[in-house]
Protein backbone atom coordinates (compact mmCIF):
# COMPACT_ATOMS: atom_id res chain seq x y z
CA MET A 1 78.83 55.76 -29.57
CA ILE A 2 77.91 59.34 -30.44
CA GLY A 3 74.29 60.49 -30.12
CA VAL A 4 71.76 59.22 -32.64
CA HIS A 5 70.52 61.52 -35.41
CA PRO A 6 66.73 61.11 -35.90
CA ALA A 7 67.04 61.18 -39.72
CA TRP A 8 63.48 61.33 -41.12
CA LEU A 9 61.79 60.67 -37.75
CA PRO A 10 62.34 63.77 -35.61
CA GLY A 11 59.68 64.52 -33.04
CA SER A 12 58.33 67.31 -35.24
CA ALA A 13 57.34 64.78 -37.92
CA PHE A 14 54.70 63.45 -35.49
CA ARG A 15 53.15 66.84 -34.70
CA ALA A 16 49.90 66.33 -36.62
CA LEU A 17 49.27 62.92 -35.10
CA GLY A 18 50.60 63.78 -31.65
CA SER A 19 48.31 66.76 -31.16
CA ARG A 20 45.17 64.62 -31.49
CA ARG A 21 43.19 61.91 -29.71
CA VAL A 22 44.41 58.52 -30.93
CA ARG A 23 43.16 55.01 -30.20
CA VAL A 24 45.23 51.85 -30.82
CA THR A 25 43.46 48.50 -30.88
CA GLY A 26 45.13 45.11 -31.15
CA GLU A 27 47.73 42.83 -29.63
CA GLY A 28 51.23 41.69 -30.45
CA VAL A 29 54.81 42.87 -30.28
CA VAL A 30 54.60 45.16 -33.34
CA VAL A 31 51.25 46.62 -32.23
CA ALA A 32 52.98 47.43 -28.95
CA THR A 33 55.53 49.40 -31.00
CA VAL A 34 52.70 51.35 -32.65
CA ARG A 35 51.24 52.12 -29.25
CA ALA A 36 54.63 53.27 -27.93
CA GLU A 37 55.09 55.58 -30.95
CA VAL A 38 51.71 57.16 -30.30
CA GLU A 39 52.43 57.52 -26.57
CA ALA A 40 55.64 59.39 -27.29
CA ALA A 41 53.99 61.62 -29.90
CA VAL A 42 51.02 62.68 -27.78
CA ALA A 43 53.29 63.31 -24.79
CA GLU A 44 55.36 65.72 -26.89
CA HIS A 45 52.57 67.46 -28.77
CA GLY A 46 49.67 67.60 -26.31
CA GLY A 47 47.33 64.93 -27.65
CA ALA A 48 46.04 61.83 -25.89
CA LEU A 49 46.13 58.05 -26.26
CA VAL A 50 42.55 57.00 -25.51
CA ASP A 51 40.77 53.71 -24.97
CA ASP A 52 37.19 54.93 -25.45
CA GLY A 53 35.22 58.00 -26.40
CA PRO A 54 35.72 60.09 -29.54
CA SER A 55 39.02 59.93 -31.40
CA ASP A 56 40.67 61.66 -34.33
CA LEU A 57 42.66 58.58 -35.36
CA ASP A 58 41.85 54.89 -34.92
CA LEU A 59 44.68 52.41 -35.52
CA VAL A 60 43.11 48.95 -35.59
CA CYS A 61 44.84 45.57 -35.90
CA ALA A 62 42.08 42.99 -36.49
CA PRO A 63 43.41 39.58 -37.63
CA ASP A 64 39.92 38.42 -38.64
CA ASP A 65 39.30 41.29 -41.10
CA GLY A 66 39.83 39.02 -44.11
CA GLU A 67 42.91 40.74 -45.54
CA PRO A 68 45.38 37.96 -46.49
CA ASP A 69 48.49 40.16 -46.43
CA PRO A 70 49.59 40.99 -42.86
CA GLU A 71 51.75 43.83 -44.23
CA ALA A 72 48.83 45.57 -45.98
CA PHE A 73 46.67 48.29 -44.48
CA VAL A 74 43.56 50.26 -45.39
CA VAL A 75 43.27 53.96 -44.55
CA GLY A 76 40.25 56.23 -44.91
CA ARG A 77 38.06 58.77 -43.16
CA ALA A 78 34.89 57.87 -41.25
CA GLY A 79 33.21 61.15 -40.38
CA THR A 80 35.79 63.18 -38.48
CA THR A 81 37.95 60.15 -37.67
CA THR A 82 40.84 58.83 -39.73
CA VAL A 83 40.88 55.02 -39.58
CA VAL A 84 43.77 52.66 -40.34
CA ARG A 85 42.99 48.94 -40.35
CA ALA A 86 45.35 45.98 -40.78
CA THR A 87 45.33 42.27 -40.06
CA GLY A 88 48.96 42.17 -38.91
CA GLY A 89 51.18 44.27 -36.71
CA ALA A 90 53.53 45.15 -39.58
CA GLY A 91 50.62 46.46 -41.64
CA LEU A 92 49.49 48.63 -38.74
CA LEU A 93 53.03 49.98 -38.28
CA TYR A 94 53.24 50.88 -41.98
CA GLY A 95 49.81 52.50 -41.72
CA LEU A 96 50.94 54.58 -38.76
CA HIS A 97 53.92 55.94 -40.67
CA HIS A 98 51.74 56.57 -43.72
CA VAL A 99 49.63 58.88 -41.55
CA VAL A 100 52.80 60.53 -40.20
CA ARG A 101 53.96 61.27 -43.76
CA LEU A 102 50.57 62.74 -44.68
CA GLY A 103 50.76 65.19 -41.77
CA GLU A 104 47.75 67.47 -41.39
CA SER A 105 46.23 66.29 -44.67
CA ALA A 106 45.50 62.92 -43.03
CA PHE A 107 42.86 64.64 -40.87
CA ARG A 108 41.10 66.85 -43.40
CA GLY A 109 38.08 66.33 -45.59
CA ALA A 110 36.63 63.06 -46.81
CA ALA A 111 38.67 60.08 -47.95
CA GLU A 112 37.37 56.75 -49.19
CA PRO A 113 39.13 53.67 -47.78
CA GLN A 114 42.26 52.92 -49.78
CA ARG A 115 44.33 49.74 -49.57
CA HIS A 116 48.12 49.91 -49.46
CA ALA A 117 50.40 46.87 -49.69
CA PRO A 118 54.10 46.33 -50.42
CA ARG A 119 54.89 45.49 -54.03
CA GLN A 120 57.81 43.28 -53.01
CA PRO A 121 57.39 40.59 -50.32
CA VAL A 122 61.05 40.74 -49.25
CA ARG A 123 62.69 44.13 -48.70
CA MET A 124 66.08 43.32 -47.26
CA LEU A 125 69.22 45.20 -46.27
CA ASP A 126 72.46 43.22 -46.16
CA HIS A 127 75.19 44.50 -43.86
CA TRP A 128 78.77 43.67 -44.79
CA ASP A 129 79.79 44.10 -41.14
CA ASN A 130 82.62 42.11 -39.57
CA VAL A 131 82.69 41.13 -35.92
CA ASP A 132 86.49 41.38 -36.01
CA VAL A 133 88.12 44.27 -37.82
CA HIS A 134 89.53 42.94 -41.08
CA PRO A 135 93.15 44.04 -41.70
CA VAL A 136 92.28 45.37 -45.18
CA MET A 137 88.51 45.74 -45.39
CA GLY A 138 88.03 47.17 -41.90
CA GLN A 139 85.01 46.71 -39.67
CA VAL A 140 82.53 47.23 -42.51
CA GLU A 141 83.56 46.02 -45.95
CA ARG A 142 82.84 48.70 -48.54
CA GLY A 143 81.73 50.86 -45.63
CA TYR A 144 82.29 54.61 -45.68
CA SER A 145 80.40 55.58 -42.53
CA GLY A 146 82.71 54.47 -39.74
CA GLY A 147 82.44 51.24 -37.78
CA SER A 148 79.66 48.74 -37.32
CA ILE A 149 76.53 49.62 -35.37
CA PHE A 150 76.26 45.94 -34.39
CA TYR A 151 79.79 44.94 -33.35
CA ALA A 152 82.70 46.37 -31.36
CA ASP A 153 85.79 44.82 -29.78
CA GLY A 154 85.11 41.40 -31.32
CA ALA A 155 81.55 41.01 -30.04
CA VAL A 156 78.02 42.34 -30.37
CA ARG A 157 77.86 45.75 -28.73
CA ALA A 158 76.72 45.86 -25.12
CA ASP A 159 74.74 49.03 -25.84
CA LEU A 160 72.23 48.41 -28.64
CA SER A 161 70.45 51.76 -28.41
CA ARG A 162 71.81 52.77 -31.82
CA VAL A 163 70.49 49.50 -33.30
CA ARG A 164 67.07 50.22 -31.76
CA ALA A 165 66.99 53.61 -33.47
CA TYR A 166 68.05 51.95 -36.72
CA ALA A 167 65.34 49.29 -36.49
CA ARG A 168 62.79 52.04 -35.95
CA LEU A 169 63.94 53.87 -39.07
CA LEU A 170 63.83 50.70 -41.17
CA GLY A 171 60.40 49.69 -39.91
CA SER A 172 59.02 53.12 -40.78
CA VAL A 173 59.89 52.65 -44.48
CA GLY A 174 58.91 49.00 -44.77
CA VAL A 175 62.22 47.14 -44.65
CA ASN A 176 61.35 43.68 -43.31
CA ARG A 177 64.64 41.72 -43.40
CA VAL A 178 68.20 42.49 -42.29
CA GLY A 179 71.38 40.49 -42.92
CA LEU A 180 73.61 40.95 -39.89
CA ASN A 181 77.10 40.13 -41.15
CA ASN A 182 79.44 40.20 -44.11
CA VAL A 183 78.96 37.69 -46.93
CA ASN A 184 82.73 37.21 -46.85
CA VAL A 185 82.46 35.18 -43.67
CA GLY A 186 85.52 35.09 -41.43
CA ARG A 187 86.26 32.63 -38.63
CA THR A 188 84.76 34.78 -35.88
CA GLU A 189 81.73 35.70 -37.97
CA ALA A 190 81.09 32.02 -38.75
CA GLY A 191 80.62 31.53 -35.02
CA LEU A 192 77.47 33.68 -35.04
CA LEU A 193 75.77 30.46 -36.10
CA THR A 194 76.87 28.54 -33.01
CA GLU A 195 78.82 29.84 -30.00
CA LEU A 196 77.88 33.48 -30.64
CA LEU A 197 74.21 32.67 -31.29
CA PRO A 198 73.06 34.21 -27.95
CA GLU A 199 74.38 37.53 -29.24
CA VAL A 200 72.35 37.14 -32.44
CA VAL A 201 69.31 36.55 -30.23
CA ARG A 202 69.89 40.00 -28.70
CA LEU A 203 69.91 41.61 -32.14
CA ALA A 204 66.79 39.71 -33.23
CA GLU A 205 64.98 40.99 -30.15
CA VAL A 206 65.74 44.56 -31.19
CA PHE A 207 64.48 44.16 -34.77
CA ARG A 208 61.40 42.02 -34.02
CA PRO A 209 59.22 44.85 -32.61
CA HIS A 210 59.52 46.64 -35.96
CA GLY A 211 58.42 43.68 -38.08
CA ILE A 212 61.97 42.80 -39.20
CA ARG A 213 63.42 39.28 -39.37
CA VAL A 214 67.17 38.76 -39.14
CA HIS A 215 69.39 36.65 -41.42
CA LEU A 216 72.94 35.39 -41.06
CA SER A 217 75.59 35.09 -43.73
CA VAL A 218 77.10 31.64 -43.29
CA SER A 219 80.18 29.91 -44.63
CA PHE A 220 79.63 26.91 -46.87
CA ALA A 221 82.56 25.31 -45.04
CA ALA A 222 80.87 25.64 -41.63
CA PRO A 223 80.51 21.84 -41.21
CA ILE A 224 84.32 21.71 -41.25
CA THR A 225 85.24 24.91 -39.41
CA LEU A 226 82.48 24.74 -36.80
CA GLY A 227 81.35 21.12 -36.85
CA GLY A 228 84.70 19.35 -37.07
CA LEU A 229 83.66 17.25 -40.07
CA PRO A 230 86.25 16.27 -42.69
CA THR A 231 84.09 17.55 -45.55
CA ALA A 232 81.39 20.08 -46.50
CA ASP A 233 80.19 18.01 -49.49
CA PRO A 234 76.47 18.85 -49.76
CA LEU A 235 75.59 15.29 -50.69
CA ASP A 236 77.35 13.77 -47.69
CA PRO A 237 74.75 12.55 -45.12
CA ALA A 238 76.82 13.79 -42.19
CA VAL A 239 76.93 17.27 -43.72
CA ARG A 240 73.17 17.27 -44.26
CA ASP A 241 72.63 16.18 -40.66
CA TRP A 242 74.96 18.88 -39.35
CA TRP A 243 73.11 21.64 -41.18
CA ALA A 244 69.73 20.26 -40.06
CA ARG A 245 70.79 20.00 -36.42
CA THR A 246 72.48 23.39 -36.33
CA THR A 247 69.55 25.11 -38.03
CA ALA A 248 67.10 23.59 -35.55
CA GLU A 249 69.18 25.06 -32.72
CA VAL A 250 69.03 28.49 -34.36
CA TYR A 251 65.23 28.35 -34.59
CA ALA A 252 64.94 27.15 -31.02
CA ALA A 253 66.66 30.40 -30.02
CA ILE A 254 65.11 32.69 -32.69
CA PRO A 255 61.71 31.32 -33.80
CA ASP A 256 61.24 34.02 -36.46
CA PHE A 257 64.78 33.71 -37.88
CA GLY A 258 64.72 34.58 -41.59
CA GLY A 259 67.37 32.21 -42.91
CA TYR A 260 70.83 32.22 -44.47
CA VAL A 261 72.71 34.38 -46.97
CA VAL A 262 75.49 32.53 -48.81
CA LYS A 263 78.38 33.64 -50.99
CA ALA A 264 79.97 30.46 -52.32
CA ASP A 265 82.72 29.71 -54.86
CA SER A 266 83.24 33.44 -55.18
CA GLU A 267 86.37 35.49 -54.48
CA GLY A 268 87.91 32.83 -52.30
CA GLN A 269 84.80 31.82 -50.36
CA PRO A 270 84.33 28.02 -50.15
CA GLY A 271 81.56 26.35 -52.10
CA PRO A 272 80.25 23.17 -53.72
CA PHE A 273 82.70 23.31 -56.65
CA ALA A 274 85.37 21.89 -54.33
CA TYR A 275 83.40 18.61 -54.25
CA GLY A 276 82.36 18.49 -57.90
CA ARG A 277 78.86 19.69 -57.04
CA ASP A 278 76.91 22.55 -58.59
CA HIS A 279 75.24 25.50 -56.92
CA ALA A 280 71.79 23.93 -56.89
CA GLU A 281 73.14 20.99 -54.90
CA GLY A 282 74.96 23.39 -52.58
CA ALA A 283 71.95 25.64 -51.97
CA ASN A 284 69.46 22.82 -51.55
CA VAL A 285 71.23 21.23 -48.59
CA LEU A 286 70.84 24.46 -46.63
CA ALA A 287 67.30 24.98 -47.93
CA ARG A 288 66.20 21.56 -46.66
CA ALA A 289 67.57 22.36 -43.22
CA LEU A 290 65.58 25.63 -43.20
CA ALA A 291 62.35 24.33 -44.75
CA PRO A 292 60.72 22.83 -41.61
CA PHE A 293 60.90 26.28 -39.99
CA GLY A 294 59.81 28.42 -42.93
CA GLY A 295 63.31 29.80 -43.52
CA THR A 296 64.87 30.89 -46.79
CA VAL A 297 68.39 30.65 -48.19
CA PHE A 298 69.49 33.64 -50.27
CA TRP A 299 72.17 32.21 -52.52
CA ARG A 300 74.23 34.89 -54.24
CA ALA A 301 74.87 34.55 -57.97
CA PHE A 302 78.03 36.67 -57.85
CA VAL A 303 80.34 33.91 -59.11
CA TYR A 304 83.21 34.51 -61.52
CA ASN A 305 86.92 33.82 -61.89
CA HIS A 306 88.42 36.45 -59.61
CA HIS A 307 91.93 35.49 -60.74
CA GLN A 308 91.13 36.56 -64.29
CA ASP A 309 93.48 39.13 -65.78
CA TRP A 310 91.27 42.05 -66.77
CA ARG A 311 93.21 42.35 -70.01
CA ASP A 312 92.27 38.79 -71.01
CA ARG A 313 89.45 39.24 -73.53
CA THR A 314 88.89 35.50 -73.98
CA THR A 315 86.90 35.27 -70.74
CA ASP A 316 83.72 37.33 -70.58
CA ARG A 317 83.31 38.44 -66.97
CA ALA A 318 79.87 39.93 -67.66
CA ARG A 319 78.35 36.56 -68.58
CA ALA A 320 79.97 34.54 -65.79
CA ALA A 321 76.92 34.40 -63.51
CA TYR A 322 74.70 33.47 -66.45
CA ASP A 323 77.02 30.66 -67.50
CA HIS A 324 77.12 29.25 -63.97
CA PHE A 325 73.43 29.53 -63.07
CA ALA A 326 71.18 29.54 -66.15
CA PRO A 327 71.68 25.78 -66.76
CA LEU A 328 70.41 25.19 -63.21
CA ASP A 329 67.03 26.87 -63.75
CA GLY A 330 64.26 24.85 -62.14
CA ARG A 331 66.61 22.76 -59.96
CA PHE A 332 66.57 24.90 -56.82
CA ASP A 333 64.29 23.99 -53.92
CA PRO A 334 61.22 26.20 -53.35
CA ASN A 335 62.80 28.05 -50.41
CA VAL A 336 65.95 29.01 -52.32
CA VAL A 337 66.14 32.58 -53.62
CA LEU A 338 68.91 33.29 -56.09
CA GLN A 339 70.24 36.75 -55.17
CA VAL A 340 71.35 38.42 -58.41
CA LYS A 341 73.20 41.71 -58.71
CA ALA A 342 71.09 44.02 -60.86
CA GLY A 343 73.89 44.37 -63.42
CA PRO A 344 76.16 41.66 -64.80
CA MET A 345 79.40 43.14 -63.41
CA ASP A 346 79.54 44.74 -59.99
CA PHE A 347 77.24 47.64 -59.04
CA GLN A 348 78.67 49.94 -61.71
CA THR A 349 77.16 53.38 -62.30
CA ARG A 350 76.05 52.29 -65.76
CA GLU A 351 75.27 48.66 -66.53
CA PRO A 352 72.68 46.70 -68.47
CA VAL A 353 70.36 44.43 -66.51
CA SER A 354 71.85 41.07 -65.59
CA PRO A 355 70.98 38.35 -68.12
CA VAL A 356 70.45 35.94 -65.22
CA ILE A 357 67.11 37.65 -64.50
CA ALA A 358 65.70 36.75 -67.91
CA GLY A 359 67.56 33.46 -68.13
CA MET A 360 66.00 31.71 -65.12
CA PRO A 361 62.20 31.94 -65.43
CA ARG A 362 61.59 28.96 -63.11
CA THR A 363 63.77 30.18 -60.23
CA ARG A 364 62.92 32.58 -57.42
CA LEU A 365 65.09 35.66 -57.90
CA ALA A 366 65.97 38.58 -55.65
CA VAL A 367 67.49 41.64 -57.31
CA GLU A 368 70.46 43.04 -55.39
CA PHE A 369 71.40 46.72 -55.37
CA GLN A 370 74.16 48.61 -53.60
CA VAL A 371 73.26 51.52 -51.35
CA THR A 372 76.77 51.88 -49.99
CA GLN A 373 78.64 54.14 -52.42
CA GLU A 374 81.48 51.87 -53.50
CA TYR A 375 81.35 53.14 -57.07
CA THR A 376 79.48 56.41 -56.58
CA GLY A 377 81.83 58.48 -54.48
CA HIS A 378 82.50 56.68 -51.18
CA GLN A 379 79.75 58.75 -49.53
CA LYS A 380 81.70 61.97 -49.92
CA HIS A 381 79.33 62.94 -52.72
CA VAL A 382 75.62 63.46 -53.15
CA CYS A 383 74.33 60.83 -55.55
CA HIS A 384 70.62 60.07 -55.72
CA LEU A 385 70.55 56.36 -56.51
CA VAL A 386 66.78 55.84 -56.64
CA PRO A 387 66.49 56.77 -60.35
CA LEU A 388 69.07 54.09 -61.16
CA TRP A 389 67.15 51.46 -59.21
CA ARG A 390 63.84 52.55 -60.73
CA GLU A 391 65.32 52.36 -64.21
CA MET A 392 66.60 48.81 -63.70
CA LEU A 393 63.51 47.54 -61.90
CA GLY A 394 61.30 48.99 -64.63
CA PHE A 395 63.22 47.33 -67.46
CA ARG A 396 61.27 44.72 -69.46
CA PRO A 397 63.66 41.90 -70.48
CA TRP A 398 61.03 40.18 -72.64
CA GLY A 399 59.92 43.28 -74.56
CA GLU A 400 57.41 46.07 -74.08
CA ASP A 401 54.51 43.70 -73.42
CA GLY A 402 56.42 41.50 -70.98
CA PRO A 403 56.92 41.73 -67.22
CA THR A 404 59.46 44.06 -65.66
CA VAL A 405 62.45 43.12 -63.53
CA ALA A 406 60.39 44.23 -60.53
CA ASP A 407 57.61 41.86 -61.60
CA SER A 408 60.08 38.98 -61.70
CA ALA A 409 61.34 39.78 -58.21
CA ALA A 410 57.81 40.15 -56.85
CA GLY A 411 56.51 36.87 -58.29
CA ARG A 412 54.32 38.52 -60.92
CA ALA A 413 56.15 36.90 -63.86
CA THR A 414 56.80 33.16 -64.13
CA ALA A 415 58.33 32.13 -60.78
CA PRO A 416 57.34 32.75 -57.15
CA ALA A 417 58.55 35.93 -55.47
CA GLY A 418 62.13 36.51 -54.37
CA GLY A 419 62.30 40.18 -53.42
CA VAL A 420 64.69 43.11 -53.44
CA VAL A 421 67.96 43.23 -51.49
CA ALA A 422 70.40 46.10 -51.02
CA VAL A 423 73.82 46.44 -49.41
CA SER A 424 73.57 48.90 -46.54
CA ASN A 425 75.48 52.18 -46.29
CA VAL A 426 75.05 52.58 -42.52
CA GLY A 427 77.80 52.86 -39.92
CA ASP A 428 78.38 54.40 -36.51
CA ASP A 429 78.86 57.87 -37.98
CA PRO A 430 76.67 60.37 -36.08
CA PHE A 431 74.74 60.99 -39.30
CA TRP A 432 74.37 57.26 -40.06
CA THR A 433 75.85 57.33 -43.58
CA GLY A 434 78.73 59.79 -43.32
CA HIS A 435 76.67 62.58 -44.89
CA ARG A 436 75.51 65.59 -42.94
CA ASP A 437 71.78 65.32 -43.52
CA ASP A 438 70.14 68.57 -42.42
CA LEU A 439 69.49 69.50 -46.03
CA GLY A 440 67.23 66.61 -46.85
CA VAL A 441 68.87 65.36 -50.06
CA GLN A 442 69.50 61.89 -48.71
CA ARG A 443 66.04 60.38 -48.53
CA ALA A 444 64.36 57.14 -49.46
CA GLY A 445 62.65 59.15 -52.20
CA ASP A 446 61.57 62.64 -53.13
CA GLY A 447 58.43 62.33 -51.04
CA ASP A 448 60.36 62.12 -47.79
CA ALA A 449 62.45 65.23 -48.35
CA GLY A 450 59.98 67.55 -46.66
CA GLN A 451 59.39 65.31 -43.67
CA THR A 452 62.42 66.75 -41.93
CA GLY A 453 62.48 70.05 -43.83
CA ARG A 454 62.37 73.10 -41.63
CA ARG A 455 58.81 74.27 -41.06
CA GLY A 456 58.15 77.91 -41.79
CA ASP A 457 60.84 78.32 -44.45
CA ALA A 458 59.97 79.86 -47.80
CA GLN A 459 58.74 77.18 -50.15
CA GLY A 460 60.67 76.28 -53.28
CA VAL A 461 60.81 73.36 -55.70
CA GLY A 462 58.01 70.87 -55.13
CA GLY A 463 56.81 72.67 -52.03
CA GLU A 464 60.17 72.20 -50.30
CA PRO A 465 62.45 74.89 -48.93
CA PRO A 466 64.52 76.29 -51.83
CA ALA A 467 67.77 74.57 -50.82
CA VAL A 468 66.01 71.22 -50.46
CA GLY A 469 64.51 71.44 -53.93
CA ARG A 470 67.78 72.55 -55.52
CA GLY A 471 69.72 69.86 -53.68
CA LEU A 472 67.38 67.17 -54.98
CA ASP A 473 67.68 68.51 -58.53
CA LEU A 474 71.48 68.49 -58.30
CA ALA A 475 71.53 64.98 -56.87
CA HIS A 476 69.26 63.70 -59.66
CA GLY A 477 71.38 65.38 -62.31
CA GLY A 478 74.59 63.85 -60.99
CA ARG A 479 73.35 60.31 -61.48
CA GLU A 480 72.11 61.09 -64.99
CA ALA A 481 75.60 62.31 -65.83
CA GLY A 482 76.71 58.73 -65.23
CA ALA A 483 78.85 59.90 -62.36
CA VAL A 484 79.05 60.82 -58.76
CA GLY A 485 77.29 64.10 -59.37
CA LEU A 486 78.65 66.61 -56.91
CA ARG A 487 80.63 66.93 -53.75
CA LEU A 488 79.74 69.31 -50.96
CA GLN A 489 82.20 70.89 -48.56
CA PRO A 490 81.02 72.59 -45.35
CA VAL A 491 82.12 76.12 -44.62
CA GLU A 492 81.91 78.13 -41.45
CA GLY A 493 79.04 80.42 -40.57
CA ASP A 494 76.16 81.31 -42.87
CA VAL A 495 78.23 81.39 -46.07
CA PRO A 496 76.53 79.46 -48.90
CA LEU A 497 77.65 75.88 -49.30
CA ASP A 498 80.05 75.47 -52.20
CA VAL A 499 79.76 72.70 -54.75
CA VAL A 500 83.41 71.82 -55.07
CA GLY A 501 85.76 69.29 -56.55
CA ARG A 502 87.77 68.77 -53.37
CA ARG A 503 87.13 66.21 -50.66
CA GLY A 504 84.46 67.08 -48.15
CA GLN A 505 81.39 65.83 -46.40
CA VAL A 506 77.82 66.72 -47.12
CA ALA A 507 76.92 69.52 -44.77
CA ALA A 508 73.96 71.67 -45.61
CA THR A 509 70.90 73.23 -44.01
CA ALA A 510 67.87 74.88 -45.51
CA ARG A 511 69.54 78.28 -45.21
CA HIS A 512 72.35 77.31 -47.63
CA ASP A 513 71.64 78.32 -51.21
CA LEU A 514 73.27 75.60 -53.28
CA ALA A 515 72.60 77.33 -56.57
CA ARG A 516 74.46 80.45 -55.45
CA GLY A 517 77.33 78.30 -54.21
CA ALA A 518 77.55 76.55 -57.56
CA ARG A 519 77.85 79.88 -59.38
CA ARG A 520 80.92 80.96 -57.43
CA GLY A 521 84.25 80.82 -59.19
CA ASP A 522 85.55 78.05 -56.91
CA GLY A 523 82.36 76.02 -57.19
CA LEU A 524 82.76 73.22 -59.71
CA VAL A 525 80.53 70.27 -60.53
CA ARG A 526 82.92 67.56 -61.65
CA ALA A 527 80.74 64.84 -63.09
CA GLY A 528 82.51 61.61 -63.87
CA ARG A 529 86.01 62.76 -62.99
CA HIS A 530 86.31 61.41 -59.48
CA ARG A 531 84.01 58.47 -60.13
CA ARG A 532 86.46 56.95 -62.59
CA GLY A 533 89.25 57.29 -60.06
CA ALA A 534 87.06 55.61 -57.44
CA ASP A 535 86.21 52.77 -59.82
CA LEU A 536 89.85 52.12 -60.70
CA HIS A 537 90.92 52.41 -57.10
CA GLN A 538 88.37 49.85 -55.90
CA ALA A 539 88.84 47.40 -58.76
CA GLY A 540 92.64 47.58 -58.60
CA ARG A 541 92.79 48.03 -62.35
CA ILE A 542 95.61 50.53 -62.41
CA GLY A 543 98.08 48.29 -60.66
CA ARG A 544 99.52 48.77 -57.22
CA ARG A 545 99.73 52.31 -55.95
CA ARG A 546 99.62 54.24 -52.72
CA CYS A 547 96.11 55.16 -51.60
CA ASP A 548 95.87 58.94 -51.40
CA ASP A 549 92.61 59.02 -49.50
CA ASP A 550 93.33 60.89 -46.29
CA GLN A 551 89.79 60.99 -44.97
CA PRO A 552 88.91 59.41 -41.63
CA GLY A 553 86.70 56.38 -42.00
CA HIS A 554 88.22 55.15 -45.29
CA HIS A 555 87.86 51.34 -45.53
CA GLY A 556 85.33 51.53 -42.69
CA ARG A 557 87.93 52.44 -40.08
CA GLY A 558 88.50 55.63 -38.19
CA ASP A 559 92.19 55.96 -39.11
CA ARG A 560 93.80 57.49 -42.17
CA CYS A 561 94.71 55.11 -44.96
CA SER A 562 98.36 54.60 -45.86
CA GLN A 563 98.24 51.24 -47.59
CA ASP A 564 98.82 49.96 -51.10
CA HIS A 565 95.94 48.70 -53.18
CA GLY A 566 96.58 46.07 -55.78
CA SER A 567 94.69 43.97 -58.26
CA THR A 568 93.53 41.39 -55.72
CA SER A 569 90.91 43.54 -53.97
CA ARG A 570 87.55 41.90 -53.37
CA PHE A 571 84.39 43.42 -54.78
CA GLY A 572 81.83 41.97 -52.34
């Protein structure tokens, strides 16, 4: 494993906090993480972690403060001291990183106490990682950043230092759930539930200190493949008992286990249809096994006839999930969350909002997005996806006076909260996602771009170094073109970075002037052109042809691709 890039948490980001006297009060595993962050920061920047006396920053976890949300925090100024208070460790961790993002401004002037709390109760990243390397899909299905950070050589990695760094990054931006394996569950991956469970325990121990619960994707046929039963019929008493017994064993090993993610009756995955049962009956048997422990089953609504000929106009693929699930509204158990792709097709660059979201007002719904760039350039392009997500989450299915999609996911509409889920784009690439990230265009949002920007550079757009501001503008514009946006190719030395139409990786620093590169004769922004090729390639809609992608890491592997791609490819 190559060294870990700090992404948005380099040591310099902690300079303002680390140069001061800081006090941390409270107990618990996540509070211990807060204390360790402060210890490292003051050691690097000359401050001090104090137990008494005056302080510049007080970080207080007080469970009896009366705040009902353990992920909320209150920050304000009391005289010359900045104070962050929370009732839970996660809230204190989020408050710490809020102060880090504020930098010096967190310690200046007066500030009335202000409450911050997540708008979505579940903020989950699903990893489509395989324990065994799949012969077609590779180690990470729809992965364009190398291999898995969790698995190598058919097992959980012995060295989990990269996972620790990843958990730290996720905790700093408020992700609180992680799915550890591919929803297309293979035989080895199914064993994570049973014989490989001790390895899952190791991963849970890495994520727990950052307020993150782990989930497993499970096969609906597990009672047969793992339990030796003759059936997986959800109404069979032996099947119910097997799920209850197996789930109890999981919680005995991982008390804060989040629950299951299930892809059933979809693209060849087994499901309740084989027994004449519907998806509510299938989901509820797992939900009842999880309920005594507070667990949740995320049941994916991505169900359609994957044998359909795309030229057959008599079957409407876009309404398939609605047809399967809308009649089941109100029949799912309280701890079932129906995980619905934001659009009705498959993470396309332009789609309407899925009708399932408006069609199931009595069902907990989680909206699923795709961070991995399956349809937006295979991570060889800069494509700022946040505007797309904001646009879909802000849509009001019931009209201008009705709730938004985000409201439905957060439980502010008609049903209890489900949350927001996204498919991860992370692999073992030294820059996490396959992009060189010195420039700062790949961020969780515009506000984070300056956190790793080079201090002392001339300021440009939005207070950022000129290249950072221009890079963000270009990335935004690419998504609005309904396309990949742009592709960046590194060049040697201090020559400006060209915006080109050839293959390349994102490689830019604050000294590269993207605008000047774009004006050169060989600098072309090709919006939409490559994206269509990527779409057709992934969907197999142009028949069988030789893949011409010669880049390392294609299909999530480190080798160069030389295989045919036909019309039977899975979409996830």
